[in-house]
C-alpha cells in the first residue's frame, strides 16, 4: 500500500477512515446527556492487587510512527504505570504498510507471546474478513483485542472509534457564524480524501451544515488529498489560485491542515477577518497557532484521544483481569477555538489527575451491544458512563 495513503490523523489518529454510514449531529450527545438518558452504568470491580498482571504483555501493532501516535502510546504507558499492575507494553511499527500490520497482528495471536493486542488501522473491503478472522482467533485463545479505528472490526473485545459527521458539522457551524459576521460572500474550498468514506463524512458534515446555516448559492470547490503536508499544500494552493474569491477552507484533518495553512499564507490569506480555515483533529503546533492568533486557523474539531488512549489501556487491563468490558465505545469531538484551545489541550495533558476524572464520563460514551464492520454509530442517547474508564484497574 502506498505510504501516502496514511489515513492517520489525533487525533487523531489518525487512521480513522472507513465508516460506511454517516452519523447526524443529533445522534451524538455529550457525556452528561448520555448519562442522563442512560442505562445503569457498568460498575468497575475493586482495585486489583499490585503486580497482578506481572508477566502479561500488551502488543501494539502501530501502522506508522508519527508524533500523535507516539503520544497515544505514551498515554497508554502512563495509564499502565498508574495502575501498578505490572502490565508490559511493546510496540511494533508497520511503517505505513497495512498488510504488514495485519500480518503483525496475526503473528501476535499465533505466537502465544501476547496476552492482549491493540491497533489502529484501515479496514478495506478486501481486508474486512481477515481482520474479523484474526479477532476470532484471539477470542478463541483468550487474548484481549481492542480496535481503535474509523471502522469497526468483527469479534474484537472492544471497538473504539470517533464520529466523523458531527465533527465536520461542528466546524461548519463555526465557519458559517464567521461568514455571516464578517459579511463574507466568497467561495468555499474543501480538502477531502475520497478513498475514505469516514473522512468524507467529515467533509459532508461540514458542507451540509455550512450551506444550511448560510443559505443562498454558495460555491464549493473540492480537491482530493491524502494525509501528507505536501498534498495539502499543493491542492490548497491550486484551489486558491483557481478561485481567488475563496474566503473559507475546510480540511478533513491530519498533516493536510498544516499544508493547507502554508498555502493560505503564501497566497496572502493572513487576515482572520477575511479568511477562515477550519479542520477536524488537532496537533500541538496548530493549538499553539490558534492560541497565539498567528494565522487564519480558527476552529478545530478535536477528538480527545488523550482520554481514549487511557480508556483503551484500562479496558485491556480489565479484560486481562477477567472483568467485563463494554464492547463498543466512541470519543466525542470538542470544538477548539483561539479562546479555549490552549486551556483544553493543557488540561488533558494531565488527564490522570483526580480533578480531571470527570472527562472520562463527559467525553467517552459506552454501549452494551457489540458492533460489526459497516454498522453505523450507535445513538449516543443509548450509551452509558462506565466507571471502569475513570477508575484505576
Protein backbone atom coordinates (compact mmCIF):
# COMPACT_ATOMS: atom_id res chain seq x y z
CA UNK A 1 0.00 0.00 0.00
CA UNK A 2 1.30 3.48 -0.90
CA UNK A 3 2.65 5.24 2.18
CA UNK A 4 0.96 8.46 1.08
CA UNK A 5 -2.40 6.85 1.77
CA UNK A 6 -1.89 7.07 5.52
CA UNK A 7 -5.27 7.84 6.94
CA UNK A 8 -3.92 8.57 10.37
CA UNK A 9 -4.71 11.79 11.99
CA UNK A 10 -5.13 12.63 16.51
CA UNK A 11 -6.40 12.73 16.63
CA UNK A 12 -6.11 11.74 15.62
CA UNK A 13 -5.31 9.40 14.56
CA UNK A 14 -5.06 9.02 12.71
CA UNK A 15 -6.09 6.05 10.71
CA UNK A 16 -9.69 6.97 11.15
CA UNK A 17 -11.01 6.09 7.83
CA UNK A 18 -13.68 3.75 6.62
CA UNK A 19 -17.04 4.37 8.31
CA UNK A 20 -19.68 3.49 5.77
CA UNK A 21 -22.70 5.25 7.31
CA UNK A 22 -22.97 8.89 8.38
CA UNK A 23 -23.98 9.89 11.88
CA UNK A 24 -26.04 13.06 12.08
CA UNK A 25 -25.15 15.73 14.65
CA UNK A 26 -28.27 14.86 16.64
CA UNK A 27 -27.08 11.28 17.19
CA UNK A 28 -24.09 12.36 19.27
CA UNK A 29 -24.74 13.87 22.67
CA UNK A 30 -22.41 14.98 25.42
CA UNK A 31 -21.35 12.53 28.09
CA UNK A 32 -23.54 14.31 30.61
CA UNK A 33 -26.60 13.98 28.35
CA UNK A 34 -25.78 10.37 27.68
CA UNK A 35 -25.52 9.73 31.41
CA UNK A 36 -28.90 11.37 32.00
CA UNK A 37 -30.58 9.31 29.30
CA UNK A 38 -28.74 6.14 30.06
CA UNK A 39 -28.89 2.62 31.19
CA UNK A 40 -27.32 1.89 34.56
CA UNK A 41 -23.57 2.40 34.46
CA UNK A 42 -21.41 -0.72 34.30
CA UNK A 43 -19.64 -0.66 37.65
CA UNK A 44 -15.93 -1.36 37.93
CA UNK A 45 -14.73 -4.03 40.40
CA UNK A 46 -12.36 -3.09 43.22
CA UNK A 47 -8.72 -2.25 42.50
CA UNK A 48 -6.64 -5.29 41.55
CA UNK A 49 -3.68 -6.38 43.65
CA UNK A 50 -0.36 -4.74 42.80
CA UNK A 51 1.60 -6.64 40.12
CA UNK A 52 -1.45 -8.80 39.37
CA UNK A 53 -0.61 -8.56 35.66
CA UNK A 54 3.14 -9.08 36.03
CA UNK A 55 4.32 -11.27 33.16
CA UNK A 56 1.37 -10.27 30.97
CA UNK A 57 2.09 -8.43 27.72
CA UNK A 58 0.10 -6.00 25.60
CA UNK A 59 1.34 -5.98 22.00
CA UNK A 60 0.58 -2.86 19.95
CA UNK A 61 0.64 -3.02 16.15
CA UNK A 62 1.23 0.57 15.05
CA UNK A 63 0.54 1.43 11.40
CA UNK A 64 3.27 4.09 11.35
CA UNK A 65 5.39 6.20 13.67
CA UNK A 66 4.16 9.79 13.93
CA UNK A 67 4.13 12.21 16.85
CA UNK A 68 0.42 11.81 17.58
CA UNK A 69 0.64 8.02 17.79
CA UNK A 70 3.81 8.19 19.85
CA UNK A 71 1.90 10.39 22.32
CA UNK A 72 -1.06 8.00 22.23
CA UNK A 73 1.10 5.03 23.20
CA UNK A 74 2.87 7.12 25.84
CA UNK A 75 -0.54 7.84 27.38
CA UNK A 76 -1.24 4.10 27.44
CA UNK A 77 2.10 3.55 29.19
CA UNK A 78 1.24 6.33 31.64
CA UNK A 79 -2.08 4.67 32.47
CA UNK A 80 -0.37 1.28 32.96
CA UNK A 81 2.17 2.86 35.31
CA UNK A 82 -0.60 4.47 37.33
CA UNK A 83 -2.39 1.15 37.81
CA UNK A 84 0.79 -0.56 39.12
CA UNK A 85 -0.47 -3.93 37.90
CA UNK A 86 2.76 -4.74 36.09
CA UNK A 87 1.47 -4.91 32.51
CA UNK A 88 4.26 -4.91 29.91
CA UNK A 89 3.67 -2.97 26.67
CA UNK A 90 5.56 -3.39 23.40
CA UNK A 91 5.04 -1.57 20.07
CA UNK A 92 5.84 -2.70 16.51
CA UNK A 93 5.80 -0.27 13.57
CA UNK A 94 4.38 -1.40 10.21
CA UNK A 95 5.92 1.68 8.51
CA UNK A 96 2.77 2.55 6.61
CA UNK A 97 2.17 -0.94 5.25
CA UNK A 98 -1.31 -2.01 6.39
CA UNK A 99 -0.89 -5.52 5.02
CA UNK A 100 2.24 -5.82 7.13
CA UNK A 101 0.30 -4.53 10.13
CA UNK A 102 -2.33 -7.23 9.68
CA UNK A 103 0.43 -9.83 9.43
CA UNK A 104 1.94 -8.49 12.67
CA UNK A 105 -1.39 -8.90 14.46
CA UNK A 106 -1.77 -12.41 13.08
CA UNK A 107 1.71 -13.22 14.37
CA UNK A 108 0.87 -11.71 17.78
CA UNK A 109 -2.09 -14.04 18.09
CA UNK A 110 -0.31 -17.14 16.80
CA UNK A 111 2.89 -16.65 18.80
CA UNK A 112 1.42 -17.05 22.26
CA UNK A 113 3.66 -14.21 23.44
CA UNK A 114 0.89 -11.60 23.61
CA UNK A 115 -1.91 -11.66 26.16
CA UNK A 116 -3.58 -8.62 24.60
CA UNK A 117 -3.41 -6.80 21.24
CA UNK A 118 -4.20 -3.18 20.35
CA UNK A 119 -4.19 -1.47 16.97
CA UNK A 120 -5.42 1.44 14.87
CA UNK A 121 -5.83 0.55 11.22
CA UNK A 122 -7.65 0.95 7.91
CA UNK A 123 -10.21 -1.75 7.20
CA UNK A 124 -10.89 -2.10 3.47
CA UNK A 125 -13.47 -4.27 1.77
CA UNK A 126 -10.64 -6.66 0.94
CA UNK A 127 -9.32 -6.89 4.50
CA UNK A 128 -12.60 -6.99 6.44
CA UNK A 129 -12.77 -10.78 6.60
CA UNK A 130 -9.10 -11.14 7.56
CA UNK A 131 -9.41 -8.68 10.45
CA UNK A 132 -12.54 -10.43 11.69
CA UNK A 133 -10.87 -13.84 11.42
CA UNK A 134 -7.79 -12.87 13.43
CA UNK A 135 -10.05 -11.31 16.07
CA UNK A 136 -11.96 -14.58 16.34
CA UNK A 137 -8.70 -16.49 16.73
CA UNK A 138 -7.72 -14.08 19.51
CA UNK A 139 -11.05 -14.64 21.22
CA UNK A 140 -10.63 -18.42 20.97
CA UNK A 141 -7.17 -18.09 22.53
CA UNK A 142 -8.45 -15.80 25.34
CA UNK A 143 -6.39 -12.90 24.00
CA UNK A 144 -7.92 -9.49 24.67
CA UNK A 145 -8.13 -7.40 21.47
CA UNK A 146 -9.02 -3.72 21.18
CA UNK A 147 -9.52 -1.90 17.86
CA UNK A 148 -9.41 1.92 17.77
CA UNK A 149 -10.08 2.80 14.12
CA UNK A 150 -12.60 4.57 11.94
CA UNK A 151 -14.19 1.25 11.09
CA UNK A 152 -15.48 -1.42 13.39
CA UNK A 153 -13.86 -4.88 13.38
CA UNK A 154 -15.90 -8.03 13.97
CA UNK A 155 -15.23 -10.22 17.03
CA UNK A 156 -12.89 -7.93 18.99
CA UNK A 157 -13.13 -7.44 22.76
CA UNK A 158 -13.78 -3.70 22.33
CA UNK A 159 -14.36 -1.50 19.30
CA UNK A 160 -13.38 2.16 19.76
CA UNK A 161 -13.92 4.98 17.25
CA UNK A 162 -14.95 8.61 16.80
CA UNK A 163 -17.98 10.05 14.92
CA UNK A 164 -16.92 11.89 11.77
CA UNK A 165 -20.03 13.71 10.54
CA UNK A 166 -20.68 15.62 13.79
CA UNK A 167 -17.06 16.79 13.87
CA UNK A 168 -17.33 18.23 10.37
CA UNK A 169 -20.69 19.73 11.24
CA UNK A 170 -19.15 21.41 14.28
CA UNK A 171 -16.67 23.24 12.05
CA UNK A 172 -19.46 24.02 9.56
CA UNK A 173 -21.36 25.87 12.29
CA UNK A 174 -18.28 27.84 13.34
CA UNK A 175 -17.42 28.73 9.73
CA UNK A 176 -20.99 29.83 8.97
CA UNK A 177 -21.07 32.08 12.02
CA UNK A 178 -17.78 33.68 10.92
CA UNK A 179 -19.03 34.00 7.33
CA UNK A 180 -22.15 35.89 8.35
CA UNK A 181 -20.40 38.01 10.97
CA UNK A 182 -17.71 39.18 8.56
CA UNK A 183 -20.00 39.73 5.62
CA UNK A 184 -18.13 37.18 3.55
CA UNK A 185 -19.60 36.13 0.22
CA UNK A 186 -16.77 34.18 -1.35
CA UNK A 187 -16.47 30.54 -2.32
CA UNK A 188 -15.51 27.65 -0.04
CA UNK A 189 -12.65 25.17 -0.51
CA UNK A 190 -12.82 21.56 0.66
CA UNK A 191 -9.73 19.38 1.10
CA UNK A 192 -11.15 15.86 1.07
CA UNK A 193 -9.97 12.26 0.95
CA UNK A 194 -12.24 10.34 -1.48
CA UNK A 195 -10.63 6.99 -0.65
CA UNK A 196 -12.14 7.09 2.83
CA UNK A 197 -15.91 7.08 3.42
CA UNK A 198 -15.28 8.06 7.04
CA UNK A 199 -13.17 11.06 6.19
CA UNK A 200 -15.65 12.03 3.50
CA UNK A 201 -18.32 12.10 6.23
CA UNK A 202 -16.32 14.91 7.85
CA UNK A 203 -16.49 16.90 4.62
CA UNK A 204 -20.17 16.10 4.17
CA UNK A 205 -20.93 17.23 7.73
CA UNK A 206 -19.12 20.50 7.15
CA UNK A 207 -20.66 21.27 3.77
CA UNK A 208 -24.25 20.43 4.65
CA UNK A 209 -24.17 22.34 7.93
CA UNK A 210 -22.46 25.37 6.41
CA UNK A 211 -24.88 25.50 3.48
CA UNK A 212 -27.92 25.20 5.72
CA UNK A 213 -26.72 27.94 8.08
CA UNK A 214 -25.62 30.39 5.39
CA UNK A 215 -28.27 29.71 2.74
CA UNK A 216 -28.07 31.13 -0.76
CA UNK A 217 -25.94 29.93 -3.63
CA UNK A 218 -22.60 29.15 -2.01
CA UNK A 219 -19.96 27.78 -4.36
CA UNK A 220 -17.97 24.80 -3.06
CA UNK A 221 -14.77 23.66 -4.76
CA UNK A 222 -13.12 20.38 -3.85
CA UNK A 223 -9.61 18.95 -4.09
CA UNK A 224 -8.55 15.38 -3.37
CA UNK A 225 -5.67 14.99 -0.92
CA UNK A 226 -4.02 12.24 1.11
CA UNK A 227 -2.51 12.61 4.59
CA UNK A 228 0.67 14.49 3.72
CA UNK A 229 1.59 18.11 4.30
CA UNK A 230 2.80 18.30 0.71
CA UNK A 231 -0.53 17.15 -0.69
CA UNK A 232 -2.44 19.64 1.46
CA UNK A 233 -0.16 22.50 0.44
CA UNK A 234 -0.30 21.70 -3.27
CA UNK A 235 -4.06 21.19 -3.52
CA UNK A 236 -4.91 24.16 -1.32
CA UNK A 237 -2.65 26.33 -3.46
CA UNK A 238 -4.40 25.07 -6.59
CA UNK A 239 -7.82 25.92 -5.15
CA UNK A 240 -6.77 29.40 -4.06
CA UNK A 241 -5.18 30.15 -7.41
CA UNK A 242 -8.22 28.93 -9.35
CA UNK A 243 -10.71 30.70 -7.08
CA UNK A 244 -9.22 33.95 -5.74
CA UNK A 245 -12.59 34.89 -4.20
CA UNK A 246 -12.31 31.99 -1.74
CA UNK A 247 -12.85 33.06 1.88
CA UNK A 248 -13.31 29.71 3.69
CA UNK A 249 -11.35 26.45 3.57
CA UNK A 250 -12.04 23.17 5.35
CA UNK A 251 -9.61 20.27 5.72
CA UNK A 252 -10.53 16.73 6.76
CA UNK A 253 -7.55 16.82 9.13
CA UNK A 254 -4.09 15.44 9.72
CA UNK A 255 -0.97 16.92 8.19
CA UNK A 256 -3.15 18.12 5.30
CA UNK A 257 -4.21 21.02 7.51
CA UNK A 258 -0.61 22.07 8.08
CA UNK A 259 -0.03 22.11 4.33
CA UNK A 260 -3.26 23.97 3.66
CA UNK A 261 -2.32 26.67 6.14
CA UNK A 262 1.07 27.07 4.50
CA UNK A 263 -0.60 27.53 1.11
CA UNK A 264 -3.05 30.07 2.52
CA UNK A 265 -0.21 32.15 3.99
CA UNK A 266 1.74 32.01 0.73
CA UNK A 267 -1.39 33.20 -1.11
CA UNK A 268 -1.63 36.20 1.20
CA UNK A 269 -4.55 34.85 3.21
CA UNK A 270 -3.32 36.02 6.60
CA UNK A 271 -6.16 38.18 7.93
CA UNK A 272 -8.55 36.14 10.15
CA UNK A 273 -11.32 38.65 9.46
CA UNK A 274 -11.06 37.92 5.73
CA UNK A 275 -10.23 34.21 5.61
CA UNK A 276 -11.36 31.24 7.72
CA UNK A 277 -9.57 27.90 7.93
CA UNK A 278 -11.10 25.04 9.92
CA UNK A 279 -10.32 21.36 10.32
CA UNK A 280 -11.02 18.15 12.19
CA UNK A 281 -8.31 16.87 14.58
CA UNK A 282 -5.51 18.94 16.10
CA UNK A 283 -1.77 18.97 16.62
CA UNK A 284 0.22 20.78 19.29
CA UNK A 285 1.53 23.22 16.68
CA UNK A 286 -1.97 24.00 15.46
CA UNK A 287 -3.16 24.61 19.01
CA UNK A 288 -0.23 26.99 19.55
CA UNK A 289 -1.06 28.81 16.33
CA UNK A 290 -4.66 29.36 17.43
CA UNK A 291 -3.67 30.33 20.93
CA UNK A 292 -1.30 33.00 19.59
CA UNK A 293 -3.82 34.02 16.92
CA UNK A 294 -0.94 33.93 14.48
CA UNK A 295 -2.87 32.90 11.40
CA UNK A 296 -6.26 32.12 9.88
CA UNK A 297 -6.84 28.79 11.65
CA UNK A 298 -9.94 29.49 13.73
CA UNK A 299 -11.63 26.20 14.63
CA UNK A 300 -10.63 22.57 15.18
CA UNK A 301 -12.99 19.70 15.96
CA UNK A 302 -10.65 17.70 18.16
CA UNK A 303 -11.23 14.13 19.20
CA UNK A 304 -9.63 13.93 22.68
CA UNK A 305 -7.50 10.83 22.22
CA UNK A 306 -5.69 11.75 25.43
CA UNK A 307 -8.83 10.28 27.03
CA UNK A 308 -9.47 7.33 24.71
CA UNK A 309 -5.83 6.15 24.95
CA UNK A 310 -6.29 5.73 28.70
CA UNK A 311 -9.69 4.09 28.19
CA UNK A 312 -8.11 1.59 25.79
CA UNK A 313 -5.36 0.65 28.24
CA UNK A 314 -7.74 0.33 31.17
CA UNK A 315 -10.14 -1.80 29.14
CA UNK A 316 -7.27 -4.13 28.23
CA UNK A 317 -6.15 -4.43 31.86
CA UNK A 318 -9.70 -5.16 32.99
CA UNK A 319 -10.11 -7.78 30.28
CA UNK A 320 -6.87 -9.45 31.38
CA UNK A 321 -8.13 -9.36 34.97
CA UNK A 322 -11.27 -11.22 33.90
CA UNK A 323 -13.58 -8.24 34.29
CA UNK A 324 -16.45 -7.33 31.98
CA UNK A 325 -15.62 -4.69 29.34
CA UNK A 326 -18.16 -2.75 27.22
CA UNK A 327 -17.82 -3.99 23.62
CA UNK A 328 -18.39 -0.63 21.91
CA UNK A 329 -17.37 2.97 22.62
CA UNK A 330 -16.58 6.24 20.93
CA UNK A 331 -14.94 9.51 21.95
CA UNK A 332 -16.86 12.75 21.38
CA UNK A 333 -15.42 15.75 19.49
CA UNK A 334 -14.55 19.02 21.22
CA UNK A 335 -14.57 22.39 19.47
CA UNK A 336 -11.24 24.16 19.90
CA UNK A 337 -11.08 27.90 19.20
CA UNK A 338 -8.48 30.59 19.89
CA UNK A 339 -10.30 31.27 23.17
CA UNK A 340 -10.13 27.76 24.64
CA UNK A 341 -7.61 25.66 22.68
CA UNK A 342 -4.61 26.05 24.98
CA UNK A 343 -6.63 25.55 28.15
CA UNK A 344 -8.32 22.36 26.93
CA UNK A 345 -5.09 20.98 25.48
CA UNK A 346 -3.12 21.57 28.67
CA UNK A 347 -5.84 20.24 30.96
CA UNK A 348 -5.98 16.93 29.10
CA UNK A 349 -2.21 16.65 29.16
CA UNK A 350 -2.79 15.89 32.83
CA UNK A 351 -5.73 13.58 32.22
CA UNK A 352 -4.93 11.15 35.06
CA UNK A 353 -5.21 13.76 37.82
CA UNK A 354 -8.23 13.20 40.10
CA UNK A 355 -9.70 16.58 39.19
CA UNK A 356 -9.84 15.52 35.50
CA UNK A 357 -11.69 12.24 36.15
CA UNK A 358 -15.00 13.75 35.03
CA UNK A 359 -13.74 13.95 31.44
CA UNK A 360 -13.94 10.16 31.21
CA UNK A 361 -17.68 10.48 31.82
CA UNK A 362 -18.21 13.52 29.62
CA UNK A 363 -16.15 12.63 26.57
CA UNK A 364 -16.48 8.87 26.21
CA UNK A 365 -19.77 7.03 25.56
CA UNK A 366 -20.10 3.26 26.04
CA UNK A 367 -22.57 0.70 24.67
CA UNK A 368 -23.52 -2.79 25.81
CA UNK A 369 -24.03 -4.30 22.34
CA UNK A 370 -21.19 -5.48 20.07
CA UNK A 371 -20.96 -3.84 16.68
CA UNK A 372 -19.87 -5.14 13.28
CA UNK A 373 -17.94 -3.80 10.32
CA UNK A 374 -20.07 -1.38 8.34
CA UNK A 375 -22.56 -0.70 11.13
CA UNK A 376 -23.48 2.96 11.81
CA UNK A 377 -22.50 4.66 15.03
CA UNK A 378 -24.95 3.80 17.81
CA UNK A 379 -27.03 6.70 19.09
CA UNK A 380 -25.31 8.45 21.97
CA UNK A 381 -28.61 8.60 23.88
CA UNK A 382 -28.43 4.82 24.23
CA UNK A 383 -24.96 4.94 25.73
CA UNK A 384 -23.81 4.94 29.33
CA UNK A 385 -20.98 6.03 31.59
CA UNK A 386 -18.55 3.27 32.53
CA UNK A 387 -16.81 3.51 35.89
CA UNK A 388 -14.05 1.28 34.53
CA UNK A 389 -12.83 4.11 32.31
CA UNK A 390 -12.47 6.54 35.20
CA UNK A 391 -11.11 4.20 37.86
CA UNK A 392 -7.70 2.55 38.02
CA UNK A 393 -7.95 -1.23 37.38
